[in-house]
Protein backbone atom coordinates (compact mmCIF):
# COMPACT_ATOMS: atom_id res chain seq x y z
CA MET A 1 -0.16 0.02 -0.05
CA GLU A 2 1.18 3.53 -0.97
CA THR A 3 2.12 5.65 2.03
CA PRO A 4 2.06 9.47 2.13
CA LEU A 5 5.73 9.75 1.76
CA ASP A 6 5.56 7.38 -1.51
CA GLN A 7 3.12 9.77 -2.70
CA LEU A 8 5.15 12.74 -2.08
CA TYR A 9 8.21 11.10 -3.90
CA ARG A 10 6.08 10.75 -6.81
CA ILE A 11 5.99 14.51 -6.99
CA PHE A 12 9.45 15.02 -5.91
CA ASP A 13 12.93 13.44 -6.65
CA GLN A 14 14.60 14.57 -3.34
CA VAL A 15 13.09 15.31 0.04
CA TRP A 16 15.60 17.06 2.40
CA VAL A 17 15.21 17.80 5.88
CA LEU A 18 17.19 21.03 6.69
CA ASP A 19 18.76 22.68 9.68
CA THR A 20 21.00 25.46 10.32
CA GLU A 21 22.89 27.45 13.16
CA LEU A 22 23.71 30.99 12.88
CA LYS A 23 23.72 34.27 14.83
CA LEU A 24 20.37 36.10 14.86
CA GLY A 25 18.22 38.58 16.72
CA ASP A 26 20.49 41.71 17.48
CA GLY A 27 19.59 43.66 14.51
CA ASN A 28 22.52 42.94 12.58
CA PRO A 29 22.71 40.44 9.43
CA ALA A 30 22.77 36.95 10.13
CA VAL A 31 26.10 35.09 11.05
CA PRO A 32 26.07 31.79 9.40
CA TYR A 33 27.93 29.09 11.16
CA CYS A 34 26.88 25.42 9.95
CA LEU A 35 24.23 23.41 8.22
CA VAL A 36 23.03 19.43 8.50
CA ALA A 37 20.74 18.18 5.80
CA ARG A 38 19.60 14.81 5.29
CA GLU A 39 17.64 13.45 2.32
CA ILE A 40 14.66 11.00 4.00
CA ARG A 41 14.93 8.18 1.46
CA SER A 42 18.43 7.65 0.50
CA ARG A 43 19.62 8.70 3.85
CA VAL A 44 22.60 10.88 2.74
CA THR A 45 23.45 13.27 5.27
CA ILE A 46 25.33 16.49 4.66
CA ARG A 47 27.24 18.37 7.30
CA LYS A 48 28.83 21.68 6.20
CA TRP A 49 30.56 24.66 8.10
CA TRP A 50 29.95 27.86 6.08
CA ASP A 51 33.06 28.33 4.61
CA GLU A 52 32.88 24.79 3.18
CA LEU A 53 30.17 25.52 1.05
CA GLU A 54 32.09 27.72 -1.48
CA GLY A 55 29.09 29.52 -2.97
CA ARG A 56 27.23 26.17 -3.67
CA PRO A 57 24.12 25.20 -2.17
CA PRO A 58 24.65 21.67 -0.51
CA PHE A 59 22.04 19.78 -2.37
CA ASP A 60 19.76 20.40 -5.76
CA THR A 61 17.47 23.42 -5.36
CA GLY A 62 15.40 22.80 -8.46
CA PRO A 63 11.57 22.38 -8.48
CA ARG A 64 11.86 18.51 -8.13
CA THR A 65 13.39 18.96 -4.36
CA LEU A 66 11.38 19.52 -1.50
CA VAL A 67 13.20 21.32 1.44
CA VAL A 68 11.55 20.68 4.84
CA THR A 69 12.61 23.01 7.78
CA TRP A 70 10.92 24.00 11.37
CA PHE A 71 10.28 27.61 11.09
CA GLY A 72 12.58 28.14 8.35
CA LEU A 73 13.10 31.86 8.67
CA ALA A 74 16.79 30.98 9.65
CA GLU A 75 17.41 28.65 7.07
CA TRP A 76 16.65 31.17 4.40
CA GLU A 77 18.79 33.63 5.94
CA PHE A 78 21.53 31.13 6.42
CA PHE A 79 21.43 30.83 2.47
CA ASP A 80 21.07 34.54 1.70
CA ALA A 81 23.92 35.50 4.19
CA LEU A 82 26.21 33.18 1.83
CA GLY A 83 24.74 34.25 -1.54
CA LEU A 84 23.54 30.56 -1.90
CA PRO A 85 20.72 29.91 -4.47
CA LYS A 86 17.38 29.31 -2.74
CA TRP A 87 15.61 26.10 -2.87
CA GLN A 88 11.93 26.37 -4.84
CA ARG A 89 9.70 23.67 -2.97
CA HIS A 90 9.48 24.68 0.66
CA LEU A 91 7.17 23.06 3.61
CA ASP A 92 7.73 24.50 6.92
CA LEU A 93 6.50 22.29 9.67
CA TYR A 94 6.17 25.20 12.11
CA ALA A 95 3.39 26.76 10.06
CA GLU A 96 1.69 23.39 9.29
CA TYR A 97 1.92 22.42 13.07
CA LYS A 98 0.47 25.96 14.22
CA ASN A 99 -2.34 25.43 11.82
CA ARG A 100 -3.01 21.98 12.86
CA PHE A 101 -3.36 22.90 16.41
CA ASN A 102 -4.64 26.58 15.91
CA CYS A 103 -6.78 26.82 19.06
CA ARG A 104 -6.85 23.40 20.12
CA ALA A 105 -5.36 21.95 23.22
CA THR A 106 -2.00 19.85 22.92
CA ILE A 107 -0.12 17.94 25.27
CA VAL A 108 2.23 20.70 26.52
CA ASP A 109 -0.96 22.89 27.33
CA GLN A 110 -1.99 20.12 29.97
CA LYS A 111 1.37 19.91 31.65
CA PRO A 112 1.63 21.36 35.02
CA ASN A 113 3.33 24.71 35.64
CA LEU A 114 7.09 23.90 35.43
CA LYS A 115 10.30 25.84 36.26
CA LYS A 116 11.29 28.33 33.82
CA GLU A 117 14.13 26.45 32.57
CA GLN A 118 11.76 23.37 32.05
CA LYS A 119 8.93 25.32 30.16
CA ILE A 120 8.09 24.13 27.12
CA LYS A 121 6.94 26.54 24.55
CA ARG A 122 3.56 25.29 23.05
CA ASN A 123 4.52 25.83 19.07
CA SER A 124 8.15 25.06 19.39
CA LEU A 125 9.90 21.84 17.79
CA ILE A 126 10.30 20.51 21.42
CA GLY A 127 6.40 21.07 21.83
CA ALA A 128 5.88 19.48 18.66
CA CYS A 129 7.98 16.27 19.69
CA VAL A 130 6.18 15.99 22.90
CA GLN A 131 2.79 16.04 21.22
CA PHE A 132 3.75 13.31 19.00
CA GLY A 133 5.86 11.16 21.64
CA ILE A 134 9.23 11.74 20.12
CA LYS A 135 12.23 11.90 22.25
CA THR A 136 14.61 14.97 21.90
CA ILE A 137 16.84 17.18 23.85
CA GLY A 138 15.44 19.34 26.47
CA VAL A 139 14.75 22.79 27.00
CA ALA A 140 17.78 23.53 28.85
CA VAL A 141 19.96 22.25 26.49
CA LYS A 142 18.28 24.06 23.47
CA GLU A 143 18.95 27.22 25.52
CA GLU A 144 22.61 26.33 25.99
CA MET A 145 23.03 25.62 22.35
CA ARG A 146 21.23 28.89 21.16
CA ALA A 147 23.41 30.90 23.61
CA LEU A 148 26.60 29.22 21.99
CA ALA A 149 25.19 30.59 18.58
CA GLN A 150 24.44 33.95 19.62
CA ARG A 151 28.01 34.37 21.28
CA GLY A 152 29.80 32.39 18.30
CA PRO A 153 31.72 29.29 18.84
CA GLY A 154 35.48 29.60 19.29
CA THR A 155 36.81 26.38 19.67
CA SER A 156 36.56 23.20 17.83
CA ALA A 157 34.75 21.44 20.81
CA GLU A 158 32.30 23.96 20.44
CA LYS A 159 31.97 23.90 16.78
CA GLN A 160 31.44 20.10 17.18
CA ALA A 161 28.86 20.71 19.72
CA LEU A 162 26.93 23.26 17.34
CA PHE A 163 27.12 20.30 14.59
CA SER A 164 25.55 17.82 17.13
CA TYR A 165 22.69 20.14 18.39
CA CYS A 166 21.84 20.83 14.70
CA GLU A 167 21.92 17.41 13.51
CA THR A 168 19.46 16.35 16.67
CA ASP A 169 17.20 19.20 15.47
CA VAL A 170 17.28 17.34 11.89
CA ASP A 171 16.49 14.15 13.55
CA ALA A 172 13.36 15.65 15.47
CA THR A 173 12.32 17.63 12.47
CA GLU A 174 12.25 14.52 10.33
CA GLN A 175 10.25 12.53 12.74
CA VAL A 176 7.83 15.11 13.26
CA PHE A 177 7.32 15.47 9.47
CA LEU A 178 6.58 11.85 9.32
CA ALA A 179 4.01 12.13 12.09
CA MET A 180 2.13 14.96 10.78
CA LEU A 181 2.64 14.06 6.75
CA PRO A 182 -0.68 12.14 6.47
CA GLU A 183 -2.60 15.24 7.31
CA ILE A 184 -0.97 17.90 5.75
CA ASP A 185 -2.52 19.54 2.81
CA VAL A 186 0.65 19.51 0.37
CA PRO A 187 -0.10 22.19 -2.22
CA ARG A 188 -1.50 24.77 0.43
CA ALA A 189 1.40 23.91 2.72
CA LEU A 190 3.84 24.60 -0.22
CA LEU A 191 2.36 28.18 -0.52
CA ARG A 192 2.98 28.75 3.28
CA GLY A 193 6.30 27.42 2.72
CA ARG A 194 7.10 30.10 0.01
CA GLU A 195 5.53 32.63 2.08
CA MET A 196 7.94 31.77 4.77
CA ALA A 197 10.73 32.23 2.64
CA ASP A 198 9.62 35.67 1.23
CA MET A 199 9.18 37.03 4.92
CA ALA A 200 12.60 35.66 5.58
CA SER A 201 13.83 38.28 2.95
CA VAL A 202 11.92 41.05 4.39
CA GLY A 203 13.02 40.44 7.80
CA ALA A 204 16.56 40.60 6.40
CA ALA A 205 16.16 43.85 4.95
CA GLY A 206 15.42 45.79 7.78
CA LEU A 207 14.07 49.40 8.15
CA PRO A 208 16.47 52.22 7.57
CA ILE A 209 16.83 54.17 10.78
CA ASP A 210 17.83 57.57 11.70
CA VAL A 211 20.97 56.90 13.54
CA SER A 212 21.94 60.38 14.80
CA ILE A 213 18.77 60.51 16.71
CA TYR A 214 18.41 56.84 17.74
CA THR A 215 21.79 57.12 19.60
CA LYS A 216 20.64 60.49 21.29
CA LEU A 217 17.52 58.60 22.40
CA VAL A 218 18.50 55.17 23.24
CA PRO A 219 22.23 54.22 23.74
CA ASP A 220 23.07 57.57 25.13
CA GLY A 221 19.77 57.54 27.35
CA GLY A 222 18.61 60.56 26.20
CA PHE A 223 14.86 59.67 26.40
CA ASP A 224 15.59 58.58 30.20
CA ARG A 225 16.83 62.13 30.57
CA ILE A 226 14.15 63.97 29.31
CA THR A 227 11.34 61.76 31.06
CA LEU A 228 10.20 64.32 33.96
CA ASP A 229 10.60 67.26 31.54
CA LEU A 230 8.06 65.36 29.29
CA ILE A 231 5.77 64.39 31.84
CA THR A 232 5.64 67.94 32.96
CA ARG A 233 4.92 69.39 29.46
CA VAL A 234 2.52 66.87 28.51
CA ASP A 235 0.56 66.61 32.30
CA ALA A 236 0.34 70.32 32.44
CA GLN A 237 -2.95 70.29 30.63
CA PHE A 238 -4.25 67.14 32.36
CA GLY A 239 -2.72 66.96 35.90
CA VAL A 240 -2.77 63.10 36.46
CA PHE A 241 0.51 62.51 37.18
CA GLU A 242 2.40 62.27 40.47
CA GLY A 243 5.94 62.51 39.39
CA THR A 244 6.36 59.70 36.92
CA THR A 245 3.02 57.67 38.08
CA PHE A 246 -0.04 58.11 36.21
CA ARG A 247 -2.73 58.04 39.02
CA ARG A 248 -5.75 56.15 38.46
CA GLU A 249 -8.04 58.54 40.79
CA LEU A 250 -6.61 61.69 39.41
CA PHE A 251 -7.55 60.56 35.75
CA GLU A 252 -11.32 59.48 37.23
CA ARG A 253 -11.26 63.16 38.69
CA LEU A 254 -10.51 64.49 35.25
CA LEU A 255 -13.15 62.51 33.38
CA ALA A 256 -15.62 63.76 36.00
CA LYS A 257 -14.72 67.32 35.67
CA LEU A 258 -14.95 67.18 31.80
CA ARG A 259 -17.92 65.17 31.82
CA ARG A 260 -16.59 62.16 29.58
CA PRO A 261 -17.89 59.05 29.75
CA TRP A 262 -15.00 56.11 29.81
CA PRO A 263 -15.41 52.40 29.49
CA ARG A 264 -15.56 50.39 32.95
CA TYR A 265 -15.12 46.96 34.11
CA PRO A 266 -18.09 45.25 35.83
CA ASP A 267 -16.74 46.18 39.13
CA GLY A 268 -16.59 49.95 38.15
CA GLN A 269 -13.05 50.31 37.64
CA LEU A 270 -11.82 52.49 34.63
CA ILE A 271 -10.24 50.33 31.92
CA LEU A 272 -7.11 51.91 31.16
CA THR A 273 -5.53 49.53 28.41
CA ASP A 274 -3.75 51.25 25.44
CA THR A 275 -6.35 49.70 23.24
CA THR A 276 -9.11 51.41 25.15
CA PHE A 277 -6.96 54.56 25.06
CA ARG A 278 -6.49 54.54 21.50
CA ASP A 279 -10.51 53.94 21.03
CA MET A 280 -11.56 56.59 23.41
CA CYS A 281 -8.94 59.18 21.49
CA LEU A 282 -10.69 58.85 18.43
CA ARG A 283 -13.62 60.59 20.20
CA TYR A 284 -11.45 62.78 22.51
CA PRO A 285 -8.25 63.52 20.30
CA ASP A 286 -6.84 65.96 22.75
CA PHE A 287 -6.11 62.84 24.85
CA GLU A 288 -3.94 61.46 22.15
CA ALA A 289 -0.67 62.96 23.92
CA LEU A 290 -1.44 61.53 27.13
CA ARG A 291 -2.03 58.35 25.32
CA GLN A 292 1.34 58.57 23.75
CA LEU A 293 3.12 59.56 26.96
CA ARG A 294 1.69 56.59 28.97
CA ASN A 295 2.72 54.34 26.29
CA ALA A 296 6.23 55.74 26.25
CA LEU A 297 6.39 55.22 29.94
CA SER A 298 4.93 51.85 30.71
CA LYS A 299 5.02 49.87 27.13
CA MET A 300 8.19 51.06 25.35
CA ARG A 301 11.63 49.83 25.96
CA LEU A 302 13.72 51.80 23.63
CA LYS A 303 16.56 49.82 24.64
CA ALA A 304 14.88 46.76 23.12
CA LEU A 305 15.05 48.11 19.70
CA THR A 306 17.00 46.07 17.59
CA VAL A 307 19.09 48.36 15.35
CA GLY A 308 22.32 46.91 13.81
CA ARG A 309 25.68 48.25 13.32
CA ASP A 310 24.24 49.61 9.55
CA GLY A 311 21.57 51.52 11.08
CA ARG A 312 19.12 48.70 9.76
CA ASN A 313 16.23 47.66 12.55
CA ARG A 314 15.78 43.89 12.05
CA TYR A 315 13.44 41.92 13.79
CA ASN A 316 11.76 38.50 13.56
CA PRO A 317 8.57 39.08 11.71
CA SER A 318 6.71 36.08 13.62
CA PRO A 319 5.14 34.51 10.66
CA PHE A 320 1.77 32.78 11.18
CA ALA A 321 1.81 33.73 14.93
CA THR A 322 -1.75 34.86 15.63
CA LYS A 323 -4.86 32.79 15.14
CA THR A 324 -6.00 34.26 12.03
CA GLY A 325 -2.72 33.79 10.60
CA ARG A 326 -1.01 37.05 10.86
CA ASN A 327 2.31 38.10 11.92
CA ALA A 328 2.91 39.22 15.55
CA PRO A 329 6.51 40.99 15.67
CA SER A 330 7.58 42.06 18.86
CA SER A 331 6.45 45.60 19.38
CA SER A 332 9.28 46.20 21.55
CA LYS A 333 11.83 45.17 18.89
CA SER A 334 10.30 46.89 15.97
CA VAL A 335 10.07 50.62 15.21
CA LEU A 336 6.52 49.76 13.89
CA GLY A 337 5.60 49.03 17.43
CA PRO A 338 2.35 50.56 19.07
CA SER A 339 4.02 54.06 19.78
CA THR A 340 3.45 55.67 16.10
CA TRP A 341 5.58 58.81 17.17
CA LEU A 342 8.79 56.46 17.08
CA ARG A 343 8.15 55.70 13.43
CA GLY A 344 9.84 59.11 13.05
CA LEU A 345 13.22 57.22 13.21
CA ILE A 346 12.29 55.74 9.83
CA LYS A 347 14.76 57.68 7.31
CA PRO A 348 15.77 56.62 3.86
CA GLU A 349 19.70 56.90 3.27
CA GLU A 350 21.03 59.58 1.03
CA GLY A 351 19.79 58.94 -2.64
CA GLN A 352 17.16 56.53 -1.39
CA ALA A 353 13.34 56.44 -0.70
CA VAL A 354 10.94 54.71 1.41
CA ALA A 355 6.94 54.16 0.82
CA MET A 356 4.42 52.76 2.56
CA ILE A 357 1.24 51.30 1.19
CA ASP A 358 -1.65 49.96 2.65
CA TYR A 359 -4.96 48.73 1.83
CA VAL A 360 -8.11 51.06 2.07
CA SER A 361 -10.98 50.01 4.20
CA GLU A 362 -9.76 46.51 3.79
CA GLU A 363 -12.00 44.56 6.18
CA PHE A 364 -15.21 46.26 4.94
CA ALA A 365 -14.18 45.20 1.22
CA ILE A 366 -13.37 41.71 2.34
CA GLY A 367 -16.78 41.38 4.01
CA ALA A 368 -18.39 42.43 0.80
CA ALA A 369 -16.40 40.08 -1.40
CA LEU A 370 -16.68 37.20 0.72
CA SER A 371 -20.66 37.61 1.62
CA GLY A 372 -21.35 38.86 -1.88
CA ASP A 373 -23.34 41.65 -0.53
CA GLU A 374 -23.83 44.25 -3.59
CA ALA A 375 -24.97 47.16 -1.34
CA MET A 376 -21.52 46.73 0.61
CA LYS A 377 -19.28 46.58 -2.62
CA ALA A 378 -21.29 49.57 -4.07
CA ALA A 379 -20.52 51.37 -0.86
CA TYR A 380 -16.79 50.10 -1.20
CA GLU A 381 -16.67 51.20 -4.87
CA SER A 382 -17.91 54.54 -4.26
CA GLY A 383 -14.64 55.59 -2.86
CA ASP A 384 -15.81 56.10 0.80
CA PRO A 385 -17.54 53.47 2.32
CA TYR A 386 -18.15 55.29 5.53
CA LEU A 387 -19.72 58.42 4.28
CA GLU A 388 -21.97 56.03 2.07
CA PHE A 389 -23.09 54.28 4.78
CA ALA A 390 -23.64 57.56 6.66
CA LYS A 391 -25.89 58.27 3.55
CA LEU A 392 -27.74 55.03 3.37
CA ALA A 393 -28.76 55.41 7.05
CA GLY A 394 -30.02 58.89 7.03
CA LEU A 395 -27.21 60.76 8.92
CA VAL A 396 -26.30 62.92 6.05
CA PRO A 397 -27.78 64.20 2.83
CA PRO A 398 -27.13 62.62 -0.57
CA ASP A 399 -24.76 65.24 -1.61
CA ALA A 400 -22.53 65.15 1.56
CA THR A 401 -18.62 65.10 1.54
CA LYS A 402 -16.14 64.10 3.58
CA GLU A 403 -15.66 67.77 4.46
CA SER A 404 -18.97 69.28 4.81
CA HIS A 405 -20.06 66.41 7.34
CA LYS A 406 -17.17 65.07 9.16
CA PRO A 407 -18.74 64.54 12.22
CA GLN A 408 -21.47 62.26 10.94
CA ARG A 409 -18.61 60.56 8.90
CA ASP A 410 -16.48 59.79 12.00
CA ILE A 411 -19.50 58.05 13.69
CA SER A 412 -20.13 56.22 10.69
CA LYS A 413 -16.68 55.10 10.41
CA THR A 414 -16.67 54.19 13.98
CA CYS A 415 -19.68 52.13 13.73
CA VAL A 416 -18.62 50.27 10.22
CA LEU A 417 -15.21 49.54 11.89
CA GLY A 418 -16.50 48.16 15.23
CA VAL A 419 -19.07 45.85 13.45
CA GLY A 420 -16.03 43.71 12.06
CA PHE A 421 -14.79 43.31 15.48
CA GLY A 422 -18.45 42.31 17.04
CA MET A 423 -18.87 45.82 18.63
CA GLU A 424 -21.90 46.11 20.88
CA GLU A 425 -24.08 49.02 21.44
CA GLN A 426 -22.63 49.80 24.92
CA THR A 427 -19.00 50.32 23.47
CA LEU A 428 -20.47 51.77 20.31
CA SER A 429 -22.22 54.62 22.73
CA LEU A 430 -19.13 55.17 24.48
CA ARG A 431 -17.09 55.89 21.53
CA ILE A 432 -19.46 57.87 19.46
CA GLY A 433 -20.61 60.11 22.55
CA LYS A 434 -24.08 59.27 21.85
CA HIS A 435 -27.18 57.61 23.95
CA VAL A 436 -27.04 53.56 23.52
CA LEU A 437 -30.36 53.91 21.66
CA VAL A 438 -28.65 55.93 19.05
CA ALA A 439 -25.95 53.37 18.94
CA ARG A 440 -28.35 50.59 18.85
CA SER A 441 -30.02 52.18 15.90
CA LEU A 442 -26.98 52.17 13.98
CA LEU A 443 -26.32 48.74 14.29
CA GLN A 444 -29.78 47.87 13.33
CA GLN A 445 -29.36 50.06 10.26
CA HIS A 446 -26.20 48.41 9.37
CA ARG A 447 -27.80 45.03 9.49
CA GLU A 448 -30.81 46.18 7.26
CA ILE A 449 -28.58 48.04 4.92
CA PHE A 450 -26.18 44.92 4.50
CA SER A 451 -28.55 42.16 5.13
CA THR A 452 -26.57 39.98 2.59
CA PHE A 453 -23.49 40.49 4.80
CA TRP A 454 -25.04 39.68 8.07
CA ALA A 455 -26.98 36.47 6.85
CA TRP A 456 -23.37 35.15 5.60
CA SER A 457 -21.66 36.32 8.92
CA ASP A 458 -24.14 34.62 11.06
CA ASN A 459 -23.85 31.29 8.55
CA GLN A 460 -19.94 31.46 9.23
CA VAL A 461 -20.60 31.36 13.07
CA TRP A 462 -23.12 28.45 12.76
CA ASN A 463 -20.98 26.38 10.21
CA ALA A 464 -18.09 26.73 12.68
CA MET A 465 -20.04 25.74 15.68
CA LEU A 466 -21.46 22.76 13.83
CA THR A 467 -18.33 21.59 12.08
CA GLY A 468 -15.76 22.25 14.77
CA VAL A 469 -13.66 24.47 12.19
CA ALA A 470 -13.47 27.43 10.28
CA ARG A 471 -11.36 27.69 7.44
CA THR A 472 -10.03 30.28 4.76
CA CYS A 473 -9.58 29.70 0.96
CA PHE A 474 -5.85 28.79 1.35
CA GLY A 475 -6.51 26.08 4.33
CA TRP A 476 -5.77 28.34 7.28
CA GLU A 477 -7.94 26.90 10.32
CA TYR A 478 -9.38 28.08 13.28
CA HIS A 479 -10.71 25.02 15.65
CA VAL A 480 -13.79 25.52 17.43
CA THR A 481 -13.50 25.03 21.33
CA PRO A 482 -16.27 24.80 23.91
CA ASP A 483 -15.29 28.09 25.57
CA VAL A 484 -14.97 30.02 22.03
CA ASN A 485 -16.32 33.61 21.77
CA PRO A 486 -18.46 33.81 18.59
CA ARG A 487 -17.31 37.22 18.19
CA SER A 488 -13.92 35.59 17.41
CA LEU A 489 -15.56 33.30 14.71
CA ARG A 490 -17.65 36.01 13.21
CA ASN A 491 -14.13 38.03 13.19
CA PHE A 492 -11.91 35.25 11.56
CA PRO A 493 -13.00 35.09 8.04
CA LEU A 494 -12.13 38.62 7.56
CA GLN A 495 -9.02 38.93 9.81
CA ALA A 496 -7.88 35.47 8.01
CA ALA A 497 -8.32 36.61 4.52
CA ALA A 498 -6.69 39.99 5.02
CA ALA A 499 -3.64 37.93 6.42
CA GLU A 500 -3.60 35.93 3.38
CA ILE A 501 -3.72 38.44 1.12
CA LEU A 502 -0.94 40.45 2.36
CA LYS A 503 1.41 37.43 2.49
CA LEU A 504 0.84 36.62 -0.71
CA ALA A 505 1.03 40.19 -2.07
CA VAL A 506 4.66 40.20 -0.20
CA SER A 507 5.67 36.88 -2.04
CA LEU A 508 4.70 38.46 -5.41
CA GLY A 509 6.66 41.61 -4.62
CA VAL A 510 9.73 40.00 -3.32
CA GLU A 511 9.67 37.40 -6.23
CA ASN A 512 9.63 40.23 -8.77
CA ASN A 513 12.58 42.39 -7.32
CA VAL A 514 10.67 44.81 -5.10
CA LYS A 515 12.80 45.38 -2.03
CA ILE A 516 10.06 45.12 0.74
CA ILE A 517 11.79 46.06 4.02
CA ALA A 518 8.70 45.69 6.62
CA MET A 519 5.09 44.51 6.62
CA LEU A 520 2.29 45.33 9.43
CA HIS A 521 -1.45 44.46 9.39
CA ASP A 522 -2.62 45.61 6.12
CA ALA A 523 0.53 47.51 4.88
CA VAL A 524 3.93 46.97 3.63
CA TRP A 525 7.00 49.42 3.41
CA LEU A 526 9.43 49.49 0.12
CA GLU A 527 13.04 50.92 -0.27
CA ALA A 528 14.50 51.94 -3.68
CA ALA A 529 16.55 54.72 -5.45
CA SER A 530 14.81 57.76 -5.47
CA GLY A 531 14.45 57.91 -9.15
CA GLN A 532 13.07 54.11 -9.00
CA ILE A 533 10.55 54.37 -6.17
CA ASP A 534 7.71 55.41 -8.04
CA SER A 535 7.78 52.56 -10.47
CA ASP A 536 8.40 50.01 -7.57
CA VAL A 537 5.26 51.69 -5.81
CA GLU A 538 3.15 51.12 -9.11
CA LYS A 539 4.41 47.71 -9.35
CA MET A 540 3.71 46.75 -5.79
CA CYS A 541 0.19 48.25 -6.14
CA ARG A 542 -0.49 46.18 -8.82
CA PHE A 543 0.81 42.87 -7.07
CA MET A 544 -1.47 43.90 -4.01
CA ALA A 545 -4.45 44.42 -6.29
CA GLU A 546 -3.61 40.74 -7.89
CA ALA A 547 -3.10 39.29 -4.32
CA SER A 548 -6.48 40.58 -3.42
CA ALA A 549 -8.22 39.29 -6.52
CA ILE A 550 -6.82 35.84 -6.07
CA VAL A 551 -7.98 35.51 -2.57
CA LEU A 552 -11.44 37.17 -2.98
CA ASP A 553 -12.48 35.78 -6.32
CA GLY A 554 -11.90 38.50 -8.57
CA PHE A 555 -12.66 41.54 -6.33
CA VAL A 556 -9.91 43.89 -6.13
CA LEU A 557 -8.97 46.25 -3.17
CA ARG A 558 -7.67 49.69 -3.79
CA THR A 559 -4.44 50.86 -2.06
CA GLU A 560 -2.72 54.13 -0.94
CA ALA A 561 0.83 55.02 -1.05
CA THR A 562 2.89 57.32 0.94
CA ILE A 563 6.40 57.87 -0.52
CA VAL A 564 9.36 59.59 1.58
CA ARG A 565 12.60 60.63 -0.10
CA TYR A 566 15.94 61.72 1.66
CA PRO A 567 16.32 63.84 3.33
CA ASP A 568 12.85 63.76 4.49
CA ARG A 569 11.84 61.21 7.24
CA TYR A 570 8.82 58.94 7.68
CA MET A 571 6.01 60.09 9.98
CA ASP A 572 2.86 58.94 10.94
CA GLU A 573 0.72 61.83 11.51
CA ARG A 574 -0.87 60.85 14.58
CA GLY A 575 2.48 60.53 16.35
CA ARG A 576 4.12 63.82 15.06
CA PRO A 577 2.94 65.97 17.46
CA PHE A 578 4.66 63.51 20.72
CA TRP A 579 7.60 63.32 18.12
CA ASN A 580 7.94 67.06 17.84
CA LEU A 581 7.59 67.54 21.46
CA VAL A 582 10.55 64.75 22.40
CA MET A 583 12.62 66.09 19.64
CA SER A 584 12.39 69.98 21.23
CA LEU A 585 12.99 68.65 24.68
CA LEU A 586 16.21 66.34 23.45
């Protein structure tokens, strides 16, 4: 009887399991050490130190060769660092394991609380070995070998230790692969492997940083020295700090004085998370400086930014990390983290330019396309779906514009965006500053105007509940558990489709020589010579349109681009006032 591995060998001549050791994660380009590769059927095993490769790949990299990795970003960066030709067919077991157990409990989850040095990460190679009953090295040994790779092997004994560790990971990866293969959807897995490779190229490029400002802010401790002045300047209009401490009771007193409602927990305590602050700043824009200050003081660890010696901000893009398949890079290591003012550090080098391209009203458009709601499609194609909803809901006259009826459009936008996340009437009431009856009416009108979308959305929830799984067109799965939040099931198709569109767009760009240097949510950042940036932006916009049409069965999403040429810097307008304040104090 033909096995799944036999079937795979009818497609491929060779199947190699690959693992590499290299130094990564400090913002600098990868420093390669060694690789171990094993061909599963022939049992040929290759062990090479980096300088033994002599510019040649260790195996055939053509379309009849399949390379299997566990979280293959490192393997791609190893090949990149040595200028080796890349393999064309890639299956990454991390992505497949994450997909298979997305929201499902694993054996690791059922382990009792362990000491830190014994704790196994759920989606790690060791975690997969535990799941399938495969013997492998312990957590402590793995951490010891990772530390060795970071500092670099200095003796022949340390080199041999790295080789042995690398081969141990090849052994484990091969056994996990054979255990998982019967349930792997190979064509879709190959797409995810391709995307993993292209995201590695993005991570290796990094964002150009204004080193002159960065060194004043971070290594030189400039931000720490201006903290008190910064608090004094911002807090002058609020009076909610004592020294460097944000005082909840003072903020509550301020809200009472200004007669501003604010979300609260069931016990009556104010909800002061950054997400809530960000949402409420849409209603109270004058609170934005306070939000940026709190974020800078409590969440921003500027010293954690990984900026290399060449002035590039490189970090792990953490592909497929969320339940919806989106990337989830570290907000402390990336300049694109939650504090928008910090994005002012992005500055192209002399003769260069950067561009940010993002999708316009993406989730609304995805909902229209997936549900087939013609009213939603028409609203999106009008160019301003938020204003169009306001017109359909009778909030503004038919001839209204964004400029003539901005407050009403803002209310409409808050409602439309909130629907995608399952916002309820109480929350909407707080965010728009209207009575709960007004919020209830808006949500009801949305259901009536876009009734086809709502029928489809309800069916998505019911179908997932009945079958136990929600699934995208590229096979990313959300496994339903007894305690699932129905709002998560309602949101999943929109968020997961957005993730698949962006990853596919990045692959199309990278594979057609567009230098993509970052990706976040629904946007990508490009870099090119000043004279070439316009054509690269035009090219990338076409790829982003093509990716949306592939995922959405012909429906095309619009994009917007912002181009910044040297000597200007990139700036998110939401963070500009705080950036200017920091620079004036610095």
